[in-house]
PDB file of all heavy atoms in Angstrom:
ATOM      1  N   GLY A   1     -11.142  11.324  19.233  1.00  0.00           N
ATOM      2  CA  GLY A   1     -11.018  12.330  20.279  1.00  0.00           C
ATOM      3  C   GLY A   1      -9.972  11.975  21.328  1.00  0.00           C
ATOM      4  O   GLY A   1      -9.988  10.880  21.891  1.00  0.00           O
ATOM      5  N   LEU A   2      -9.064  12.905  21.587  1.00  0.00           N
ATOM      6  CA  LEU A   2      -8.128  12.740  22.704  1.00  0.00           C
ATOM      7  C   LEU A   2      -8.881  12.997  24.002  1.00  0.00           C
ATOM      8  O   LEU A   2      -9.507  14.043  24.176  1.00  0.00           O
ATOM      9  CB  LEU A   2      -6.964  13.720  22.564  1.00  0.00           C
ATOM     10  CG  LEU A   2      -5.915  13.387  21.500  1.00  0.00           C
ATOM     11  CD1 LEU A   2      -4.978  14.568  21.287  1.00  0.00           C
ATOM     12  CD2 LEU A   2      -5.127  12.160  21.903  1.00  0.00           C
ATOM     13  N   GLY A   3      -8.815  12.053  24.922  1.00  0.00           N
ATOM     14  CA  GLY A   3      -9.571  12.147  26.162  1.00  0.00           C
ATOM     15  C   GLY A   3     -10.609  11.058  26.293  1.00  0.00           C
ATOM     16  O   GLY A   3     -11.220  10.891  27.350  1.00  0.00           O
ATOM     17  N   SER A   4     -10.833  10.292  25.243  1.00  0.00           N
ATOM     18  CA  SER A   4     -11.761   9.167  25.254  1.00  0.00           C
ATOM     19  C   SER A   4     -10.963   7.871  25.175  1.00  0.00           C
ATOM     20  O   SER A   4     -10.135   7.692  24.283  1.00  0.00           O
ATOM     21  CB  SER A   4     -12.723   9.264  24.066  1.00  0.00           C
ATOM     22  OG  SER A   4     -13.410   8.051  23.864  1.00  0.00           O
ATOM     23  N   GLN A   5     -11.209   6.951  26.115  1.00  0.00           N
ATOM     24  CA  GLN A   5     -10.447   5.708  26.137  1.00  0.00           C
ATOM     25  C   GLN A   5     -10.784   4.818  24.952  1.00  0.00           C
ATOM     26  O   GLN A   5      -9.897   4.144  24.405  1.00  0.00           O
ATOM     27  CB  GLN A   5     -10.696   4.954  27.440  1.00  0.00           C
ATOM     28  CG  GLN A   5      -9.754   3.775  27.641  1.00  0.00           C
ATOM     29  CD  GLN A   5      -9.879   3.138  29.001  1.00  0.00           C
ATOM     30  OE1 GLN A   5     -10.663   3.585  29.832  1.00  0.00           O
ATOM     31  NE2 GLN A   5      -9.105   2.093  29.240  1.00  0.00           N
ATOM     32  N   VAL A   6     -12.018   4.817  24.505  1.00  0.00           N
ATOM     33  CA  VAL A   6     -12.391   4.020  23.337  1.00  0.00           C
ATOM     34  C   VAL A   6     -11.664   4.536  22.099  1.00  0.00           C
ATOM     35  O   VAL A   6     -11.162   3.752  21.279  1.00  0.00           O
ATOM     36  CB  VAL A   6     -13.917   4.046  23.131  1.00  0.00           C
ATOM     37  CG1 VAL A   6     -14.292   3.338  21.832  1.00  0.00           C
ATOM     38  CG2 VAL A   6     -14.632   3.376  24.306  1.00  0.00           C
ATOM     39  N   SER A   7     -11.582   5.859  21.956  1.00  0.00           N
ATOM     40  CA  SER A   7     -10.841   6.433  20.831  1.00  0.00           C
ATOM     41  C   SER A   7      -9.365   6.092  20.911  1.00  0.00           C
ATOM     42  O   SER A   7      -8.701   5.886  19.888  1.00  0.00           O
ATOM     43  CB  SER A   7     -11.030   7.952  20.801  1.00  0.00           C
ATOM     44  OG  SER A   7     -12.374   8.301  20.525  1.00  0.00           O
ATOM     45  N   GLN A   8      -8.835   6.037  22.129  1.00  0.00           N
ATOM     46  CA  GLN A   8      -7.427   5.685  22.309  1.00  0.00           C
ATOM     47  C   GLN A   8      -7.157   4.262  21.818  1.00  0.00           C
ATOM     48  O   GLN A   8      -6.174   4.016  21.106  1.00  0.00           O
ATOM     49  CB  GLN A   8      -7.055   5.804  23.793  1.00  0.00           C
ATOM     50  CG  GLN A   8      -5.572   5.755  24.079  1.00  0.00           C
ATOM     51  CD  GLN A   8      -4.905   7.095  23.919  1.00  0.00           C
ATOM     52  OE1 GLN A   8      -5.530   8.058  23.498  1.00  0.00           O
ATOM     53  NE2 GLN A   8      -3.631   7.166  24.233  1.00  0.00           N
ATOM     54  N   ILE A   9      -8.012   3.326  22.177  1.00  0.00           N
ATOM     55  CA  ILE A   9      -7.853   1.944  21.716  1.00  0.00           C
ATOM     56  C   ILE A   9      -8.045   1.851  20.205  1.00  0.00           C
ATOM     57  O   ILE A   9      -7.345   1.102  19.515  1.00  0.00           O
ATOM     58  CB  ILE A   9      -8.844   1.022  22.450  1.00  0.00           C
ATOM     59  CG1 ILE A   9      -8.600   1.074  23.966  1.00  0.00           C
ATOM     60  CG2 ILE A   9      -8.717  -0.402  21.958  1.00  0.00           C
ATOM     61  CD1 ILE A   9      -7.200   0.716  24.386  1.00  0.00           C
ATOM     62  N   ALA A  10      -8.988   2.632  19.680  1.00  0.00           N
ATOM     63  CA  ALA A  10      -9.199   2.638  18.234  1.00  0.00           C
ATOM     64  C   ALA A  10      -7.971   3.162  17.496  1.00  0.00           C
ATOM     65  O   ALA A  10      -7.613   2.660  16.425  1.00  0.00           O
ATOM     66  CB  ALA A  10     -10.421   3.492  17.895  1.00  0.00           C
ATOM     67  N   ALA A  11      -7.296   4.170  18.071  1.00  0.00           N
ATOM     68  CA  ALA A  11      -6.092   4.720  17.453  1.00  0.00           C
ATOM     69  C   ALA A  11      -4.961   3.701  17.432  1.00  0.00           C
ATOM     70  O   ALA A  11      -4.144   3.681  16.504  1.00  0.00           O
ATOM     71  CB  ALA A  11      -5.659   5.981  18.198  1.00  0.00           C
ATOM     72  N   ILE A  12      -4.903   2.844  18.454  1.00  0.00           N
ATOM     73  CA  ILE A  12      -3.881   1.791  18.474  1.00  0.00           C
ATOM     74  C   ILE A  12      -4.178   0.722  17.433  1.00  0.00           C
ATOM     75  O   ILE A  12      -3.283   0.195  16.775  1.00  0.00           O
ATOM     76  CB  ILE A  12      -3.801   1.160  19.879  1.00  0.00           C
ATOM     77  CG1 ILE A  12      -3.460   2.211  20.927  1.00  0.00           C
ATOM     78  CG2 ILE A  12      -2.768   0.041  19.918  1.00  0.00           C
ATOM     79  CD1 ILE A  12      -3.546   1.708  22.347  1.00  0.00           C
ATOM     80  N   ALA A  13      -5.469   0.412  17.262  1.00  0.00           N
ATOM     81  CA  ALA A  13      -5.856  -0.686  16.381  1.00  0.00           C
ATOM     82  C   ALA A  13      -5.875  -0.309  14.905  1.00  0.00           C
ATOM     83  O   ALA A  13      -5.746  -1.187  14.042  1.00  0.00           O
ATOM     84  CB  ALA A  13      -7.246  -1.202  16.782  1.00  0.00           C
ATOM     85  N   LEU A  14      -6.015   0.980  14.588  1.00  0.00           N
ATOM     86  CA  LEU A  14      -6.180   1.388  13.197  1.00  0.00           C
ATOM     87  C   LEU A  14      -5.019   0.953  12.296  1.00  0.00           C
ATOM     88  O   LEU A  14      -5.252   0.391  11.221  1.00  0.00           O
ATOM     89  CB  LEU A  14      -6.391   2.906  13.128  1.00  0.00           C
ATOM     90  CG  LEU A  14      -6.520   3.519  11.734  1.00  0.00           C
ATOM     91  CD1 LEU A  14      -7.654   2.876  10.951  1.00  0.00           C
ATOM     92  CD2 LEU A  14      -6.751   5.029  11.838  1.00  0.00           C
ATOM     93  N   PRO A  15      -3.740   1.168  12.674  1.00  0.00           N
ATOM     94  CA  PRO A  15      -2.640   0.743  11.785  1.00  0.00           C
ATOM     95  C   PRO A  15      -2.190  -0.703  11.994  1.00  0.00           C
ATOM     96  O   PRO A  15      -1.084  -1.065  11.599  1.00  0.00           O
ATOM     97  CB  PRO A  15      -1.499   1.723  12.150  1.00  0.00           C
ATOM     98  CG  PRO A  15      -2.043   2.642  13.191  1.00  0.00           C
ATOM     99  CD  PRO A  15      -3.219   1.960  13.789  1.00  0.00           C
ATOM    100  N   ASN A  16      -3.034  -1.531  12.612  1.00  0.00           N
ATOM    101  CA  ASN A  16      -2.610  -2.893  12.936  1.00  0.00           C
ATOM    102  C   ASN A  16      -2.246  -3.695  11.684  1.00  0.00           C
ATOM    103  O   ASN A  16      -1.279  -4.477  11.687  1.00  0.00           O
ATOM    104  CB  ASN A  16      -3.722  -3.607  13.713  1.00  0.00           C
ATOM    105  CG  ASN A  16      -3.284  -4.945  14.261  1.00  0.00           C
ATOM    106  OD1 ASN A  16      -2.183  -5.081  14.800  1.00  0.00           O
ATOM    107  ND2 ASN A  16      -4.128  -5.954  14.129  1.00  0.00           N
ATOM    108  N   LYS A  17      -3.002  -3.524  10.600  1.00  0.00           N
ATOM    109  CA  LYS A  17      -2.678  -4.241   9.360  1.00  0.00           C
ATOM    110  C   LYS A  17      -1.351  -3.770   8.779  1.00  0.00           C
ATOM    111  O   LYS A  17      -0.620  -4.563   8.164  1.00  0.00           O
ATOM    112  CB  LYS A  17      -3.810  -4.065   8.347  1.00  0.00           C
ATOM    113  CG  LYS A  17      -5.075  -4.845   8.684  1.00  0.00           C
ATOM    114  CD  LYS A  17      -6.076  -4.807   7.549  1.00  0.00           C
ATOM    115  CE  LYS A  17      -7.297  -5.663   7.865  1.00  0.00           C
ATOM    116  NZ  LYS A  17      -8.295  -5.640   6.761  1.00  0.00           N
ATOM    117  N   ILE A  18      -1.038  -2.505   8.952  1.00  0.00           N
ATOM    118  CA  ILE A  18       0.260  -1.991   8.502  1.00  0.00           C
ATOM    119  C   ILE A  18       1.375  -2.663   9.290  1.00  0.00           C
ATOM    120  O   ILE A  18       2.405  -3.064   8.732  1.00  0.00           O
ATOM    121  CB  ILE A  18       0.311  -0.461   8.656  1.00  0.00           C
ATOM    122  CG1 ILE A  18      -0.772   0.199   7.799  1.00  0.00           C
ATOM    123  CG2 ILE A  18       1.690   0.076   8.287  1.00  0.00           C
ATOM    124  CD1 ILE A  18      -0.848   1.708   7.935  1.00  0.00           C
ATOM    125  N   ASP A  19       1.178  -2.797  10.618  1.00  0.00           N
ATOM    126  CA  ASP A  19       2.178  -3.461  11.462  1.00  0.00           C
ATOM    127  C   ASP A  19       2.433  -4.885  10.984  1.00  0.00           C
ATOM    128  O   ASP A  19       3.589  -5.318  10.858  1.00  0.00           O
ATOM    129  CB  ASP A  19       1.707  -3.480  12.920  1.00  0.00           C
ATOM    130  CG  ASP A  19       1.557  -2.095  13.506  1.00  0.00           C
ATOM    131  OD1 ASP A  19       2.160  -1.159  12.960  1.00  0.00           O
ATOM    132  OD2 ASP A  19       0.833  -1.946  14.501  1.00  0.00           O
ATOM    133  N   HIS A  20       1.367  -5.627  10.734  1.00  0.00           N
ATOM    134  CA  HIS A  20       1.517  -7.024  10.322  1.00  0.00           C
ATOM    135  C   HIS A  20       2.140  -7.138   8.931  1.00  0.00           C
ATOM    136  O   HIS A  20       2.899  -8.086   8.674  1.00  0.00           O
ATOM    137  CB  HIS A  20       0.155  -7.726  10.354  1.00  0.00           C
ATOM    138  CG  HIS A  20      -0.253  -8.158  11.728  1.00  0.00           C
ATOM    139  ND1 HIS A  20       0.276  -9.277  12.339  1.00  0.00           N
ATOM    140  CD2 HIS A  20      -1.112  -7.617  12.626  1.00  0.00           C
ATOM    141  CE1 HIS A  20      -0.260  -9.415  13.542  1.00  0.00           C
ATOM    142  NE2 HIS A  20      -1.101  -8.419  13.741  1.00  0.00           N
ATOM    143  N   TYR A  21       1.828  -6.207   8.054  1.00  0.00           N
ATOM    144  CA  TYR A  21       2.425  -6.260   6.720  1.00  0.00           C
ATOM    145  C   TYR A  21       3.944  -6.062   6.812  1.00  0.00           C
ATOM    146  O   TYR A  21       4.714  -6.784   6.167  1.00  0.00           O
ATOM    147  CB  TYR A  21       1.803  -5.196   5.822  1.00  0.00           C
ATOM    148  CG  TYR A  21       2.233  -5.309   4.370  1.00  0.00           C
ATOM    149  CD1 TYR A  21       1.534  -6.113   3.480  1.00  0.00           C
ATOM    150  CD2 TYR A  21       3.352  -4.620   3.891  1.00  0.00           C
ATOM    151  CE1 TYR A  21       1.918  -6.232   2.160  1.00  0.00           C
ATOM    152  CE2 TYR A  21       3.750  -4.739   2.573  1.00  0.00           C
ATOM    153  CZ  TYR A  21       3.036  -5.539   1.706  1.00  0.00           C
ATOM    154  OH  TYR A  21       3.433  -5.663   0.407  1.00  0.00           O
ATOM    155  N   ILE A  22       4.365  -5.111   7.617  1.00  0.00           N
ATOM    156  CA  ILE A  22       5.800  -4.851   7.751  1.00  0.00           C
ATOM    157  C   ILE A  22       6.501  -6.025   8.437  1.00  0.00           C
ATOM    158  O   ILE A  22       7.591  -6.440   8.037  1.00  0.00           O
ATOM    159  CB  ILE A  22       6.029  -3.542   8.526  1.00  0.00           C
ATOM    160  CG1 ILE A  22       5.518  -2.353   7.710  1.00  0.00           C
ATOM    161  CG2 ILE A  22       7.510  -3.347   8.852  1.00  0.00           C
ATOM    162  CD1 ILE A  22       5.567  -1.035   8.434  1.00  0.00           C
ATOM    163  N   LYS A  23       5.861  -6.573   9.454  1.00  0.00           N
ATOM    164  CA  LYS A  23       6.480  -7.660  10.216  1.00  0.00           C
ATOM    165  C   LYS A  23       6.407  -8.998   9.472  1.00  0.00           C
ATOM    166  O   LYS A  23       7.402  -9.730   9.400  1.00  0.00           O
ATOM    167  CB  LYS A  23       5.786  -7.799  11.577  1.00  0.00           C
ATOM    168  CG  LYS A  23       6.268  -6.838  12.641  1.00  0.00           C
ATOM    169  CD  LYS A  23       7.561  -7.325  13.269  1.00  0.00           C
ATOM    170  CE  LYS A  23       7.900  -6.534  14.510  1.00  0.00           C
ATOM    171  NZ  LYS A  23       9.163  -6.987  15.132  1.00  0.00           N
ATOM    172  N   ASP A  24       5.235  -9.335   8.935  1.00  0.00           N
ATOM    173  CA  ASP A  24       5.000 -10.675   8.403  1.00  0.00           C
ATOM    174  C   ASP A  24       5.300 -10.811   6.916  1.00  0.00           C
ATOM    175  O   ASP A  24       5.786 -11.860   6.481  1.00  0.00           O
ATOM    176  CB  ASP A  24       3.547 -11.090   8.677  1.00  0.00           C
ATOM    177  CG  ASP A  24       3.206 -11.038  10.155  1.00  0.00           C
ATOM    178  OD1 ASP A  24       4.125 -11.155  10.975  1.00  0.00           O
ATOM    179  OD2 ASP A  24       2.016 -10.868  10.487  1.00  0.00           O
ATOM    180  N   VAL A  25       4.994  -9.770   6.140  1.00  0.00           N
ATOM    181  CA  VAL A  25       5.205  -9.848   4.690  1.00  0.00           C
ATOM    182  C   VAL A  25       6.596  -9.357   4.311  1.00  0.00           C
ATOM    183  O   VAL A  25       7.342 -10.046   3.620  1.00  0.00           O
ATOM    184  CB  VAL A  25       4.113  -9.049   3.943  1.00  0.00           C
ATOM    185  CG1 VAL A  25       4.354  -9.117   2.440  1.00  0.00           C
ATOM    186  CG2 VAL A  25       2.730  -9.580   4.294  1.00  0.00           C
ATOM    187  N   LEU A  26       6.946  -8.158   4.793  1.00  0.00           N
ATOM    188  CA  LEU A  26       8.268  -7.613   4.478  1.00  0.00           C
ATOM    189  C   LEU A  26       9.368  -8.186   5.366  1.00  0.00           C
ATOM    190  O   LEU A  26      10.555  -7.976   5.091  1.00  0.00           O
ATOM    191  CB  LEU A  26       8.246  -6.084   4.600  1.00  0.00           C
ATOM    192  CG  LEU A  26       7.272  -5.361   3.666  1.00  0.00           C
ATOM    193  CD1 LEU A  26       7.342  -3.866   3.886  1.00  0.00           C
ATOM    194  CD2 LEU A  26       7.557  -5.705   2.216  1.00  0.00           C
ATOM    195  N   ARG A  27       8.980  -8.887   6.440  1.00  0.00           N
ATOM    196  CA  ARG A  27       9.925  -9.586   7.315  1.00  0.00           C
ATOM    197  C   ARG A  27      10.937  -8.635   7.949  1.00  0.00           C
ATOM    198  O   ARG A  27      12.121  -8.935   8.053  1.00  0.00           O
ATOM    199  CB  ARG A  27      10.662 -10.688   6.545  1.00  0.00           C
ATOM    200  CG  ARG A  27       9.790 -11.623   5.748  1.00  0.00           C
ATOM    201  CD  ARG A  27       8.855 -12.423   6.606  1.00  0.00           C
ATOM    202  NE  ARG A  27       9.568 -13.387   7.444  1.00  0.00           N
ATOM    203  CZ  ARG A  27       8.977 -14.186   8.340  1.00  0.00           C
ATOM    204  NH1 ARG A  27       7.660 -14.111   8.517  1.00  0.00           N
ATOM    205  NH2 ARG A  27       9.683 -15.030   9.046  1.00  0.00           N
ATOM    206  N   MET A  28      10.447  -7.479   8.401  1.00  0.00           N
ATOM    207  CA  MET A  28      11.320  -6.520   9.074  1.00  0.00           C
ATOM    208  C   MET A  28      11.291  -6.818  10.572  1.00  0.00           C
ATOM    209  O   MET A  28      10.295  -6.547  11.253  1.00  0.00           O
ATOM    210  CB  MET A  28      10.876  -5.084   8.792  1.00  0.00           C
ATOM    211  CG  MET A  28      10.861  -4.731   7.309  1.00  0.00           C
ATOM    212  SD  MET A  28      12.411  -5.081   6.468  1.00  0.00           S
ATOM    213  CE  MET A  28      13.522  -3.977   7.302  1.00  0.00           C
ATOM    214  N   LYS A  29      12.369  -7.361  11.066  1.00  0.00           N
ATOM    215  CA  LYS A  29      12.434  -7.805  12.458  1.00  0.00           C
ATOM    216  C   LYS A  29      12.515  -6.631  13.425  1.00  0.00           C
ATOM    217  O   LYS A  29      11.902  -6.649  14.492  1.00  0.00           O
ATOM    218  CB  LYS A  29      13.645  -8.730  12.633  1.00  0.00           C
ATOM    219  CG  LYS A  29      13.750  -9.366  13.999  1.00  0.00           C
ATOM    220  CD  LYS A  29      14.919 -10.333  14.054  1.00  0.00           C
ATOM    221  CE  LYS A  29      15.019 -10.988  15.426  1.00  0.00           C
ATOM    222  NZ  LYS A  29      16.176 -11.915  15.490  1.00  0.00           N
ATOM    223  N   PHE A  30      13.297  -5.608  13.055  1.00  0.00           N
ATOM    224  CA  PHE A  30      13.517  -4.475  13.957  1.00  0.00           C
ATOM    225  C   PHE A  30      12.535  -3.361  13.601  1.00  0.00           C
ATOM    226  O   PHE A  30      12.873  -2.394  12.908  1.00  0.00           O
ATOM    227  CB  PHE A  30      14.966  -3.988  13.861  1.00  0.00           C
ATOM    228  CG  PHE A  30      15.976  -5.038  14.243  1.00  0.00           C
ATOM    229  CD1 PHE A  30      17.209  -5.101  13.621  1.00  0.00           C
ATOM    230  CD2 PHE A  30      15.689  -5.978  15.218  1.00  0.00           C
ATOM    231  CE1 PHE A  30      18.141  -6.062  13.973  1.00  0.00           C
ATOM    232  CE2 PHE A  30      16.609  -6.955  15.572  1.00  0.00           C
ATOM    233  CZ  PHE A  30      17.836  -6.999  14.947  1.00  0.00           C
ATOM    234  N   TYR A  31      11.312  -3.515  14.077  1.00  0.00           N
ATOM    235  CA  TYR A  31      10.241  -2.552  13.794  1.00  0.00           C
ATOM    236  C   TYR A  31       9.535  -2.200  15.091  1.00  0.00           C
ATOM    237  O   TYR A  31       9.160  -3.086  15.871  1.00  0.00           O
ATOM    238  CB  TYR A  31       9.245  -3.146  12.793  1.00  0.00           C
ATOM    239  CG  TYR A  31       7.963  -2.357  12.647  1.00  0.00           C
ATOM    240  CD1 TYR A  31       7.958  -1.116  12.023  1.00  0.00           C
ATOM    241  CD2 TYR A  31       6.755  -2.851  13.133  1.00  0.00           C
ATOM    242  CE1 TYR A  31       6.784  -0.386  11.889  1.00  0.00           C
ATOM    243  CE2 TYR A  31       5.577  -2.138  12.995  1.00  0.00           C
ATOM    244  CZ  TYR A  31       5.587  -0.907  12.372  1.00  0.00           C
ATOM    245  OH  TYR A  31       4.431  -0.191  12.240  1.00  0.00           O
TER     246      TYR A  31
END
């Protein structure tokens, strides 16, 4: 839900594994 701070933090955390895969596994520096 837009308007809930807990949902906002959850939305930031959901793609966190995608971020780490691109940064750490694929070694994409400019991301």
